[in-house]
Full PDB file with SEQRES, HELIX, SHEET, SSBOND, CRYST1, ORIGX, SCALE, CONECT and MASTER records, all heavy atoms in Angstrom:
SEQRES   1 A   33  ASN LYS PRO VAL CYS LEU VAL SER VAL VAL ALA GLY ILE          
SEQRES   2 A   33  ASN GLY VAL TYR PRO ILE ALA GLU LEU LYS ALA ASN ALA          
SEQRES   3 A   33  PHE LYS ASN ASN LYS LEU VAL                                  
HELIX    1 AA1 VAL A   16  ASN A   25  1                                  10    
CRYST1    1.000    1.000    1.000  90.00  90.00  90.00 P 1           1          
ORIGX1      1.000000  0.000000  0.000000        0.00000                         
ORIGX2      0.000000  1.000000  0.000000        0.00000                         
ORIGX3      0.000000  0.000000  1.000000        0.00000                         
SCALE1      1.000000  0.000000  0.000000        0.00000                         
SCALE2      0.000000  1.000000  0.000000        0.00000                         
SCALE3      0.000000  0.000000  1.000000        0.00000                         
ATOM      1  N   ASN A   1     -29.018  10.602  34.313  1.00  0.00           N  
ATOM      2  CA  ASN A   1     -29.127   9.851  35.534  1.00  0.00           C  
ATOM      3  C   ASN A   1     -28.948  10.575  36.880  1.00  0.00           C  
ATOM      4  O   ASN A   1     -28.636   9.986  37.944  1.00  0.00           O  
ATOM      5  CB  ASN A   1     -28.268   8.517  35.495  1.00  0.00           C  
ATOM      6  CG  ASN A   1     -28.569   7.806  34.213  1.00  0.00           C  
ATOM      7  OD1 ASN A   1     -29.712   7.325  33.982  1.00  0.00           O  
ATOM      8  ND2 ASN A   1     -27.511   7.598  33.431  1.00  0.00           N  
ATOM      9  N   LYS A   2     -29.251  11.902  36.764  1.00  0.00           N  
ATOM     10  CA  LYS A   2     -29.230  12.737  38.057  1.00  0.00           C  
ATOM     11  C   LYS A   2     -30.623  12.969  38.429  1.00  0.00           C  
ATOM     12  O   LYS A   2     -31.305  13.416  37.547  1.00  0.00           O  
ATOM     13  CB  LYS A   2     -28.333  13.952  37.760  1.00  0.00           C  
ATOM     14  CG  LYS A   2     -26.906  13.756  37.532  1.00  0.00           C  
ATOM     15  CD  LYS A   2     -26.072  14.934  37.280  1.00  0.00           C  
ATOM     16  CE  LYS A   2     -24.637  14.488  37.088  1.00  0.00           C  
ATOM     17  NZ  LYS A   2     -23.726  15.666  36.959  1.00  0.00           N  
ATOM     18  N   PRO A   3     -30.804  12.825  39.722  1.00  0.00           N  
ATOM     19  CA  PRO A   3     -32.211  13.003  40.164  1.00  0.00           C  
ATOM     20  C   PRO A   3     -32.705  14.513  40.221  1.00  0.00           C  
ATOM     21  O   PRO A   3     -31.788  15.462  40.416  1.00  0.00           O  
ATOM     22  CB  PRO A   3     -32.265  12.410  41.493  1.00  0.00           C  
ATOM     23  CG  PRO A   3     -30.832  12.591  42.061  1.00  0.00           C  
ATOM     24  CD  PRO A   3     -30.014  12.494  40.696  1.00  0.00           C  
ATOM     25  N   VAL A   4     -33.963  14.845  39.929  1.00  0.00           N  
ATOM     26  CA  VAL A   4     -34.459  16.154  40.031  1.00  0.00           C  
ATOM     27  C   VAL A   4     -35.634  16.142  40.924  1.00  0.00           C  
ATOM     28  O   VAL A   4     -36.541  15.401  40.783  1.00  0.00           O  
ATOM     29  CB  VAL A   4     -35.020  16.654  38.649  1.00  0.00           C  
ATOM     30  CG1 VAL A   4     -35.487  18.048  38.615  1.00  0.00           C  
ATOM     31  CG2 VAL A   4     -33.834  16.500  37.627  1.00  0.00           C  
ATOM     32  N   CYS A   5     -35.735  17.141  41.838  1.00  0.00           N  
ATOM     33  CA  CYS A   5     -36.994  17.346  42.590  1.00  0.00           C  
ATOM     34  C   CYS A   5     -37.638  18.575  41.956  1.00  0.00           C  
ATOM     35  O   CYS A   5     -37.084  19.710  41.765  1.00  0.00           O  
ATOM     36  CB  CYS A   5     -36.549  17.683  44.050  1.00  0.00           C  
ATOM     37  SG  CYS A   5     -38.129  18.024  45.070  1.00  0.00           S  
ATOM     38  N   LEU A   6     -38.833  18.446  41.426  1.00  0.00           N  
ATOM     39  CA  LEU A   6     -39.539  19.517  40.777  1.00  0.00           C  
ATOM     40  C   LEU A   6     -40.412  20.256  41.765  1.00  0.00           C  
ATOM     41  O   LEU A   6     -41.005  19.764  42.752  1.00  0.00           O  
ATOM     42  CB  LEU A   6     -40.504  18.968  39.792  1.00  0.00           C  
ATOM     43  CG  LEU A   6     -39.751  18.254  38.613  1.00  0.00           C  
ATOM     44  CD1 LEU A   6     -40.826  17.586  37.703  1.00  0.00           C  
ATOM     45  CD2 LEU A   6     -39.037  19.154  37.827  1.00  0.00           C  
ATOM     46  N   VAL A   7     -40.399  21.574  41.592  1.00  0.00           N  
ATOM     47  CA  VAL A   7     -41.107  22.507  42.512  1.00  0.00           C  
ATOM     48  C   VAL A   7     -42.008  23.480  41.560  1.00  0.00           C  
ATOM     49  O   VAL A   7     -41.429  24.052  40.669  1.00  0.00           O  
ATOM     50  CB  VAL A   7     -40.242  23.356  43.499  1.00  0.00           C  
ATOM     51  CG1 VAL A   7     -40.989  24.257  44.292  1.00  0.00           C  
ATOM     52  CG2 VAL A   7     -39.329  22.525  44.206  1.00  0.00           C  
ATOM     53  N   SER A   8     -43.279  23.499  41.841  1.00  0.00           N  
ATOM     54  CA  SER A   8     -44.125  24.394  41.118  1.00  0.00           C  
ATOM     55  C   SER A   8     -44.553  25.508  42.117  1.00  0.00           C  
ATOM     56  O   SER A   8     -44.988  25.175  43.367  1.00  0.00           O  
ATOM     57  CB  SER A   8     -45.359  23.626  40.667  1.00  0.00           C  
ATOM     58  OG  SER A   8     -46.240  24.447  40.048  1.00  0.00           O  
ATOM     59  N   VAL A   9     -44.493  26.736  41.664  1.00  0.00           N  
ATOM     60  CA  VAL A   9     -44.871  27.880  42.513  1.00  0.00           C  
ATOM     61  C   VAL A   9     -46.074  28.601  41.798  1.00  0.00           C  
ATOM     62  O   VAL A   9     -46.079  28.792  40.599  1.00  0.00           O  
ATOM     63  CB  VAL A   9     -43.690  28.895  42.464  1.00  0.00           C  
ATOM     64  CG1 VAL A   9     -43.976  30.205  43.132  1.00  0.00           C  
ATOM     65  CG2 VAL A   9     -42.458  28.219  43.191  1.00  0.00           C  
ATOM     66  N   VAL A  10     -47.064  28.809  42.565  1.00  0.00           N  
ATOM     67  CA  VAL A  10     -48.267  29.366  42.141  1.00  0.00           C  
ATOM     68  C   VAL A  10     -48.954  30.344  43.054  1.00  0.00           C  
ATOM     69  O   VAL A  10     -48.889  30.060  44.340  1.00  0.00           O  
ATOM     70  CB  VAL A  10     -49.306  28.127  41.639  1.00  0.00           C  
ATOM     71  CG1 VAL A  10     -49.641  27.454  42.850  1.00  0.00           C  
ATOM     72  CG2 VAL A  10     -50.445  28.747  40.936  1.00  0.00           C  
ATOM     73  N   ALA A  11     -49.450  31.483  42.549  1.00  0.00           N  
ATOM     74  CA  ALA A  11     -50.074  32.410  43.469  1.00  0.00           C  
ATOM     75  C   ALA A  11     -51.449  31.883  44.053  1.00  0.00           C  
ATOM     76  O   ALA A  11     -51.835  32.255  45.112  1.00  0.00           O  
ATOM     77  CB  ALA A  11     -50.382  33.660  42.682  1.00  0.00           C  
ATOM     78  N   GLY A  12     -52.014  30.978  43.191  1.00  0.00           N  
ATOM     79  CA  GLY A  12     -53.332  30.570  43.711  1.00  0.00           C  
ATOM     80  C   GLY A  12     -53.397  29.173  44.287  1.00  0.00           C  
ATOM     81  O   GLY A  12     -52.373  28.812  45.101  1.00  0.00           O  
ATOM     82  N   ILE A  13     -54.244  28.278  43.922  1.00  0.00           N  
ATOM     83  CA  ILE A  13     -54.318  26.868  44.536  1.00  0.00           C  
ATOM     84  C   ILE A  13     -54.059  25.763  43.664  1.00  0.00           C  
ATOM     85  O   ILE A  13     -54.266  24.674  44.056  1.00  0.00           O  
ATOM     86  CB  ILE A  13     -55.795  26.809  45.185  1.00  0.00           C  
ATOM     87  CG1 ILE A  13     -56.814  26.839  44.084  1.00  0.00           C  
ATOM     88  CG2 ILE A  13     -55.895  27.744  46.284  1.00  0.00           C  
ATOM     89  CD1 ILE A  13     -58.339  26.459  44.618  1.00  0.00           C  
ATOM     90  N   ASN A  14     -53.694  26.010  42.343  1.00  0.00           N  
ATOM     91  CA  ASN A  14     -53.378  24.883  41.459  1.00  0.00           C  
ATOM     92  C   ASN A  14     -51.992  24.302  41.591  1.00  0.00           C  
ATOM     93  O   ASN A  14     -51.553  23.958  42.574  1.00  0.00           O  
ATOM     94  CB  ASN A  14     -53.879  25.165  40.118  1.00  0.00           C  
ATOM     95  CG  ASN A  14     -54.133  23.910  39.310  1.00  0.00           C  
ATOM     96  OD1 ASN A  14     -53.853  22.885  39.668  1.00  0.00           O  
ATOM     97  ND2 ASN A  14     -54.681  24.172  38.006  1.00  0.00           N  
ATOM     98  N   GLY A  15     -51.249  24.551  40.454  1.00  0.00           N  
ATOM     99  CA  GLY A  15     -49.823  24.239  40.472  1.00  0.00           C  
ATOM    100  C   GLY A  15     -49.485  22.831  40.054  1.00  0.00           C  
ATOM    101  O   GLY A  15     -48.295  22.446  39.918  1.00  0.00           O  
ATOM    102  N   VAL A  16     -50.458  22.046  39.779  1.00  0.00           N  
ATOM    103  CA  VAL A  16     -50.142  20.549  39.460  1.00  0.00           C  
ATOM    104  C   VAL A  16     -49.716  20.384  37.986  1.00  0.00           C  
ATOM    105  O   VAL A  16     -48.933  19.481  37.640  1.00  0.00           O  
ATOM    106  CB  VAL A  16     -51.343  19.650  39.634  1.00  0.00           C  
ATOM    107  CG1 VAL A  16     -51.726  19.670  41.210  1.00  0.00           C  
ATOM    108  CG2 VAL A  16     -52.473  19.978  38.910  1.00  0.00           C  
ATOM    109  N   TYR A  17     -50.214  21.160  37.118  1.00  0.00           N  
ATOM    110  CA  TYR A  17     -49.892  21.018  35.595  1.00  0.00           C  
ATOM    111  C   TYR A  17     -48.528  21.272  35.205  1.00  0.00           C  
ATOM    112  O   TYR A  17     -48.030  20.471  34.498  1.00  0.00           O  
ATOM    113  CB  TYR A  17     -50.729  21.971  34.825  1.00  0.00           C  
ATOM    114  CG  TYR A  17     -52.269  21.722  34.950  1.00  0.00           C  
ATOM    115  CD1 TYR A  17     -53.074  22.625  35.537  1.00  0.00           C  
ATOM    116  CD2 TYR A  17     -52.761  20.564  34.569  1.00  0.00           C  
ATOM    117  CE1 TYR A  17     -54.427  22.364  35.695  1.00  0.00           C  
ATOM    118  CE2 TYR A  17     -54.224  20.164  34.709  1.00  0.00           C  
ATOM    119  CZ  TYR A  17     -54.970  21.133  35.274  1.00  0.00           C  
ATOM    120  OH  TYR A  17     -56.305  20.788  35.465  1.00  0.00           O  
ATOM    121  N   PRO A  18     -47.753  22.167  35.850  1.00  0.00           N  
ATOM    122  CA  PRO A  18     -46.216  22.188  35.407  1.00  0.00           C  
ATOM    123  C   PRO A  18     -45.556  20.945  35.876  1.00  0.00           C  
ATOM    124  O   PRO A  18     -44.681  20.506  35.049  1.00  0.00           O  
ATOM    125  CB  PRO A  18     -45.758  23.436  36.268  1.00  0.00           C  
ATOM    126  CG  PRO A  18     -46.951  24.326  36.460  1.00  0.00           C  
ATOM    127  CD  PRO A  18     -48.083  23.300  36.701  1.00  0.00           C  
ATOM    128  N   ILE A  19     -45.869  20.281  37.007  1.00  0.00           N  
ATOM    129  CA  ILE A  19     -45.223  19.116  37.417  1.00  0.00           C  
ATOM    130  C   ILE A  19     -45.549  17.912  36.452  1.00  0.00           C  
ATOM    131  O   ILE A  19     -44.634  17.321  35.972  1.00  0.00           O  
ATOM    132  CB  ILE A  19     -45.686  18.789  38.821  1.00  0.00           C  
ATOM    133  CG1 ILE A  19     -45.298  19.918  39.843  1.00  0.00           C  
ATOM    134  CG2 ILE A  19     -45.067  17.430  39.267  1.00  0.00           C  
ATOM    135  CD1 ILE A  19     -43.885  20.089  40.105  1.00  0.00           C  
ATOM    136  N   ALA A  20     -46.801  17.873  36.056  1.00  0.00           N  
ATOM    137  CA  ALA A  20     -47.211  16.787  35.199  1.00  0.00           C  
ATOM    138  C   ALA A  20     -46.605  17.020  33.830  1.00  0.00           C  
ATOM    139  O   ALA A  20     -46.057  16.022  33.207  1.00  0.00           O  
ATOM    140  CB  ALA A  20     -48.708  16.787  35.058  1.00  0.00           C  
ATOM    141  N   GLU A  21     -46.587  18.242  33.380  1.00  0.00           N  
ATOM    142  CA  GLU A  21     -45.949  18.592  31.971  1.00  0.00           C  
ATOM    143  C   GLU A  21     -44.480  18.159  31.891  1.00  0.00           C  
ATOM    144  O   GLU A  21     -43.883  17.561  31.030  1.00  0.00           O  
ATOM    145  CB  GLU A  21     -46.134  19.980  31.682  1.00  0.00           C  
ATOM    146  CG  GLU A  21     -45.405  20.405  30.441  1.00  0.00           C  
ATOM    147  CD  GLU A  21     -45.575  21.938  30.193  1.00  0.00           C  
ATOM    148  OE1 GLU A  21     -45.895  22.764  31.167  1.00  0.00           O  
ATOM    149  OE2 GLU A  21     -45.114  22.328  29.127  1.00  0.00           O  
ATOM    150  N   LEU A  22     -43.703  18.673  33.012  1.00  0.00           N  
ATOM    151  CA  LEU A  22     -42.287  18.356  33.110  1.00  0.00           C  
ATOM    152  C   LEU A  22     -41.951  16.917  33.172  1.00  0.00           C  
ATOM    153  O   LEU A  22     -41.165  16.287  32.578  1.00  0.00           O  
ATOM    154  CB  LEU A  22     -41.596  19.125  34.201  1.00  0.00           C  
ATOM    155  CG  LEU A  22     -41.572  20.661  33.970  1.00  0.00           C  
ATOM    156  CD1 LEU A  22     -41.178  21.417  35.252  1.00  0.00           C  
ATOM    157  CD2 LEU A  22     -40.655  21.074  32.769  1.00  0.00           C  
ATOM    158  N   LYS A  23     -42.745  16.202  34.073  1.00  0.00           N  
ATOM    159  CA  LYS A  23     -42.520  14.730  34.139  1.00  0.00           C  
ATOM    160  C   LYS A  23     -42.796  13.989  32.894  1.00  0.00           C  
ATOM    161  O   LYS A  23     -42.259  12.948  32.480  1.00  0.00           O  
ATOM    162  CB  LYS A  23     -43.361  14.197  35.403  1.00  0.00           C  
ATOM    163  CG  LYS A  23     -42.722  14.489  36.721  1.00  0.00           C  
ATOM    164  CD  LYS A  23     -43.399  13.821  37.862  1.00  0.00           C  
ATOM    165  CE  LYS A  23     -42.766  14.140  39.172  1.00  0.00           C  
ATOM    166  NZ  LYS A  23     -43.487  13.467  40.327  1.00  0.00           N  
ATOM    167  N   ALA A  24     -43.875  14.454  32.121  1.00  0.00           N  
ATOM    168  CA  ALA A  24     -44.254  13.769  30.896  1.00  0.00           C  
ATOM    169  C   ALA A  24     -43.283  13.932  29.745  1.00  0.00           C  
ATOM    170  O   ALA A  24     -43.038  12.979  28.947  1.00  0.00           O  
ATOM    171  CB  ALA A  24     -45.639  14.279  30.466  1.00  0.00           C  
ATOM    172  N   ASN A  25     -42.750  15.147  29.593  1.00  0.00           N  
ATOM    173  CA  ASN A  25     -41.970  15.351  28.360  1.00  0.00           C  
ATOM    174  C   ASN A  25     -40.682  16.216  28.419  1.00  0.00           C  
ATOM    175  O   ASN A  25     -40.352  16.661  27.358  1.00  0.00           O  
ATOM    176  CB  ASN A  25     -42.872  15.900  27.271  1.00  0.00           C  
ATOM    177  CG  ASN A  25     -43.463  17.187  27.579  1.00  0.00           C  
ATOM    178  OD1 ASN A  25     -42.952  17.927  28.393  1.00  0.00           O  
ATOM    179  ND2 ASN A  25     -44.660  17.538  27.025  1.00  0.00           N  
ATOM    180  N   ALA A  26     -40.073  16.499  29.500  1.00  0.00           N  
ATOM    181  CA  ALA A  26     -38.900  17.360  29.619  1.00  0.00           C  
ATOM    182  C   ALA A  26     -37.655  16.730  29.766  1.00  0.00           C  
ATOM    183  O   ALA A  26     -36.666  17.327  29.721  1.00  0.00           O  
ATOM    184  CB  ALA A  26     -39.201  18.407  30.795  1.00  0.00           C  
ATOM    185  N   PHE A  27     -37.591  15.318  30.108  1.00  0.00           N  
ATOM    186  CA  PHE A  27     -36.373  14.790  30.406  1.00  0.00           C  
ATOM    187  C   PHE A  27     -35.865  13.643  29.430  1.00  0.00           C  
ATOM    188  O   PHE A  27     -34.945  13.010  29.863  1.00  0.00           O  
ATOM    189  CB  PHE A  27     -36.584  14.202  31.852  1.00  0.00           C  
ATOM    190  CG  PHE A  27     -36.860  15.252  32.841  1.00  0.00           C  
ATOM    191  CD1 PHE A  27     -38.100  15.223  33.592  1.00  0.00           C  
ATOM    192  CD2 PHE A  27     -36.105  16.370  33.082  1.00  0.00           C  
ATOM    193  CE1 PHE A  27     -38.431  16.213  34.469  1.00  0.00           C  
ATOM    194  CE2 PHE A  27     -36.303  17.326  33.957  1.00  0.00           C  
ATOM    195  CZ  PHE A  27     -37.547  17.287  34.651  1.00  0.00           C  
ATOM    196  N   LYS A  28     -36.514  13.412  28.417  1.00  0.00           N  
ATOM    197  CA  LYS A  28     -36.036  12.336  27.501  1.00  0.00           C  
ATOM    198  C   LYS A  28     -34.614  12.456  26.974  1.00  0.00           C  
ATOM    199  O   LYS A  28     -33.838  11.635  27.122  1.00  0.00           O  
ATOM    200  CB  LYS A  28     -36.954  12.293  26.279  1.00  0.00           C  
ATOM    201  CG  LYS A  28     -36.554  11.069  25.448  1.00  0.00           C  
ATOM    202  CD  LYS A  28     -37.431  11.116  24.075  1.00  0.00           C  
ATOM    203  CE  LYS A  28     -36.900  11.871  22.955  1.00  0.00           C  
ATOM    204  NZ  LYS A  28     -35.531  11.544  22.447  1.00  0.00           N  
ATOM    205  N   ASN A  29     -34.331  13.713  26.361  1.00  0.00           N  
ATOM    206  CA  ASN A  29     -32.924  13.898  25.875  1.00  0.00           C  
ATOM    207  C   ASN A  29     -31.884  14.122  26.888  1.00  0.00           C  
ATOM    208  O   ASN A  29     -30.770  13.808  26.605  1.00  0.00           O  
ATOM    209  CB  ASN A  29     -32.938  14.996  24.778  1.00  0.00           C  
ATOM    210  CG  ASN A  29     -33.824  14.542  23.552  1.00  0.00           C  
ATOM    211  OD1 ASN A  29     -34.050  13.420  23.346  1.00  0.00           O  
ATOM    212  ND2 ASN A  29     -34.050  15.388  22.653  1.00  0.00           N  
ATOM    213  N   ASN A  30     -32.307  14.899  27.891  1.00  0.00           N  
ATOM    214  CA  ASN A  30     -31.162  15.163  28.912  1.00  0.00           C  
ATOM    215  C   ASN A  30     -31.013  14.045  29.922  1.00  0.00           C  
ATOM    216  O   ASN A  30     -30.066  14.000  30.614  1.00  0.00           O  
ATOM    217  CB  ASN A  30     -31.445  16.466  29.512  1.00  0.00           C  
ATOM    218  CG  ASN A  30     -32.904  16.514  30.171  1.00  0.00           C  
ATOM    219  OD1 ASN A  30     -33.252  15.573  30.881  1.00  0.00           O  
ATOM    220  ND2 ASN A  30     -33.517  17.595  29.831  1.00  0.00           N  
ATOM    221  N   LYS A  31     -31.983  13.152  29.979  1.00  0.00           N  
ATOM    222  CA  LYS A  31     -31.916  11.950  30.822  1.00  0.00           C  
ATOM    223  C   LYS A  31     -31.873  12.221  32.292  1.00  0.00           C  
ATOM    224  O   LYS A  31     -31.411  11.357  33.072  1.00  0.00           O  
ATOM    225  CB  LYS A  31     -30.665  10.971  30.401  1.00  0.00           C  
ATOM    226  CG  LYS A  31     -30.745  10.505  28.984  1.00  0.00           C  
ATOM    227  CD  LYS A  31     -29.674   9.611  28.657  1.00  0.00           C  
ATOM    228  CE  LYS A  31     -29.706   9.064  27.247  1.00  0.00           C  
ATOM    229  NZ  LYS A  31     -28.583   8.100  27.025  1.00  0.00           N  
ATOM    230  N   LEU A  32     -32.415  13.329  32.732  1.00  0.00           N  
ATOM    231  CA  LEU A  32     -32.563  13.662  34.127  1.00  0.00           C  
ATOM    232  C   LEU A  32     -33.664  12.715  34.661  1.00  0.00           C  
ATOM    233  O   LEU A  32     -34.501  12.306  33.910  1.00  0.00           O  
ATOM    234  CB  LEU A  32     -32.894  15.111  34.396  1.00  0.00           C  
ATOM    235  CG  LEU A  32     -31.870  16.083  34.059  1.00  0.00           C  
ATOM    236  CD1 LEU A  32     -32.401  17.567  33.953  1.00  0.00           C  
ATOM    237  CD2 LEU A  32     -30.750  16.019  35.154  1.00  0.00           C  
ATOM    238  N   VAL A  33     -33.585  12.364  35.956  1.00  0.00           N  
ATOM    239  CA  VAL A  33     -34.533  11.472  36.608  1.00  0.00           C  
ATOM    240  C   VAL A  33     -35.416  12.255  37.515  1.00  0.00           C  
ATOM    241  O   VAL A  33     -34.853  12.621  38.690  1.00  0.00           O  
ATOM    242  CB  VAL A  33     -33.824  10.406  37.297  1.00  0.00           C  
ATOM    243  CG1 VAL A  33     -34.794   9.314  37.814  1.00  0.00           C  
ATOM    244  CG2 VAL A  33     -32.921   9.627  36.341  1.00  0.00           C  
TER     245      VAL A  33                                                      
MASTER        0    0    0    1    0    0    0    6  244    1    0    3          
END                                                                             
């Protein structure tokens, strides 16, 4: 129940996929928000 601000760093112009991936499946067991 601790909040997380996600930051993606990319050399080019994309960078959206790491954010989507982490929001989709990285926080179930650790319960970060």
